[in-house]
Amino acid sequence: MNWEAIGAVGEILGAIAVLATLVYLAIRFVRYANRLWREEQKSRWRYFQTGVERY
């Protein structure tokens, strides 16, 4: 193997690492957004329940 082949393998491994990182971050973002949405829905439901009980 010459240096050009080693460099090409390094570039491919680097590209794979970047793609894996982007996929990981996308999954984390979607899970975080879903959790925020669920918490917002719970909060709205609690507010609705307490509002109905008051009146």
C-alpha atoms as a PDB file:
ATOM      1  CA  MET A   1       0.000   0.000   0.000  1.00  0.00           C
ATOM      2  CA  ASN A   2       1.258   3.404  -0.878  1.00  0.00           C
ATOM      3  CA  TRP A   3       0.518   6.699   0.834  1.00  0.00           C
ATOM      4  CA  GLU A   4      -2.225   7.617  -1.618  1.00  0.00           C
ATOM      5  CA  ALA A   5      -4.149   4.433  -0.828  1.00  0.00           C
ATOM      6  CA  ILE A   6      -3.714   4.994   2.897  1.00  0.00           C
ATOM      7  CA  GLY A   7      -4.959   8.569   2.465  1.00  0.00           C
ATOM      8  CA  ALA A   8      -7.981   7.376   0.486  1.00  0.00           C
ATOM      9  CA  VAL A   9      -8.878   4.856   3.183  1.00  0.00           C
ATOM     10  CA  GLY A  10      -8.516   7.585   5.804  1.00  0.00           C
ATOM     11  CA  GLU A  11     -10.844   9.878   3.856  1.00  0.00           C
ATOM     12  CA  ILE A  12     -13.441   7.134   3.506  1.00  0.00           C
ATOM     13  CA  LEU A  13     -13.274   6.351   7.227  1.00  0.00           C
ATOM     14  CA  GLY A  14     -13.588  10.049   8.015  1.00  0.00           C
ATOM     15  CA  ALA A  15     -16.640  10.388   5.773  1.00  0.00           C
ATOM     16  CA  ILE A  16     -18.251   7.366   7.423  1.00  0.00           C
ATOM     17  CA  ALA A  17     -17.580   8.864  10.859  1.00  0.00           C
ATOM     18  CA  VAL A  18     -19.158  12.181   9.827  1.00  0.00           C
ATOM     19  CA  LEU A  19     -22.243  10.422   8.460  1.00  0.00           C
ATOM     20  CA  ALA A  20     -22.585   8.318  11.594  1.00  0.00           C
ATOM     21  CA  THR A  21     -22.345  11.458  13.724  1.00  0.00           C
ATOM     22  CA  LEU A  22     -25.011  13.223  11.665  1.00  0.00           C
ATOM     23  CA  VAL A  23     -27.357  10.245  11.930  1.00  0.00           C
ATOM     24  CA  TYR A  24     -26.782  10.066  15.685  1.00  0.00           C
ATOM     25  CA  LEU A  25     -27.490  13.778  16.122  1.00  0.00           C
ATOM     26  CA  ALA A  26     -30.620  13.572  13.961  1.00  0.00           C
ATOM     27  CA  ILE A  27     -31.963  10.698  16.067  1.00  0.00           C
ATOM     28  CA  ARG A  28     -31.219  12.596  19.290  1.00  0.00           C
ATOM     29  CA  PHE A  29     -32.911  15.732  17.946  1.00  0.00           C
ATOM     30  CA  VAL A  30     -36.067  13.848  16.948  1.00  0.00           C
ATOM     31  CA  ARG A  31     -36.273  12.129  20.332  1.00  0.00           C
ATOM     32  CA  TYR A  32     -35.758  15.437  22.138  1.00  0.00           C
ATOM     33  CA  ALA A  33     -38.411  17.168  20.027  1.00  0.00           C
ATOM     34  CA  ASN A  34     -40.859  14.324  20.671  1.00  0.00           C
ATOM     35  CA  ARG A  35     -40.214  14.516  24.402  1.00  0.00           C
ATOM     36  CA  LEU A  36     -40.802  18.258  24.414  1.00  0.00           C
ATOM     37  CA  TRP A  37     -44.051  17.785  22.504  1.00  0.00           C
ATOM     38  CA  ARG A  38     -45.251  15.120  24.959  1.00  0.00           C
ATOM     39  CA  GLU A  39     -44.390  17.313  27.940  1.00  0.00           C
ATOM     40  CA  GLU A  40     -46.257  20.208  26.368  1.00  0.00           C
ATOM     41  CA  GLN A  41     -49.308  18.026  25.818  1.00  0.00           C
ATOM     42  CA  LYS A  42     -49.177  16.810  29.426  1.00  0.00           C
ATOM     43  CA  SER A  43     -48.916  20.374  30.639  1.00  0.00           C
ATOM     44  CA  ARG A  44     -51.853  21.474  28.538  1.00  0.00           C
ATOM     45  CA  TRP A  45     -53.926  18.515  29.749  1.00  0.00           C
ATOM     46  CA  ARG A  46     -53.093  19.291  33.386  1.00  0.00           C
ATOM     47  CA  TYR A  47     -54.065  22.923  32.856  1.00  0.00           C
ATOM     48  CA  PHE A  48     -57.325  21.858  31.236  1.00  0.00           C
ATOM     49  CA  GLN A  49     -58.112  19.500  34.111  1.00  0.00           C
ATOM     50  CA  THR A  50     -57.414  22.089  36.777  1.00  0.00           C
ATOM     51  CA  GLY A  51     -59.401  24.698  34.863  1.00  0.00           C
ATOM     52  CA  VAL A  52     -62.423  22.418  34.657  1.00  0.00           C
ATOM     53  CA  GLU A  53     -62.210  21.546  38.363  1.00  0.00           C
ATOM     54  CA  ARG A  54     -62.138  25.221  39.366  1.00  0.00           C
ATOM     55  CA  TYR A  55     -65.341  26.139  37.569  1.00  0.00           C
END
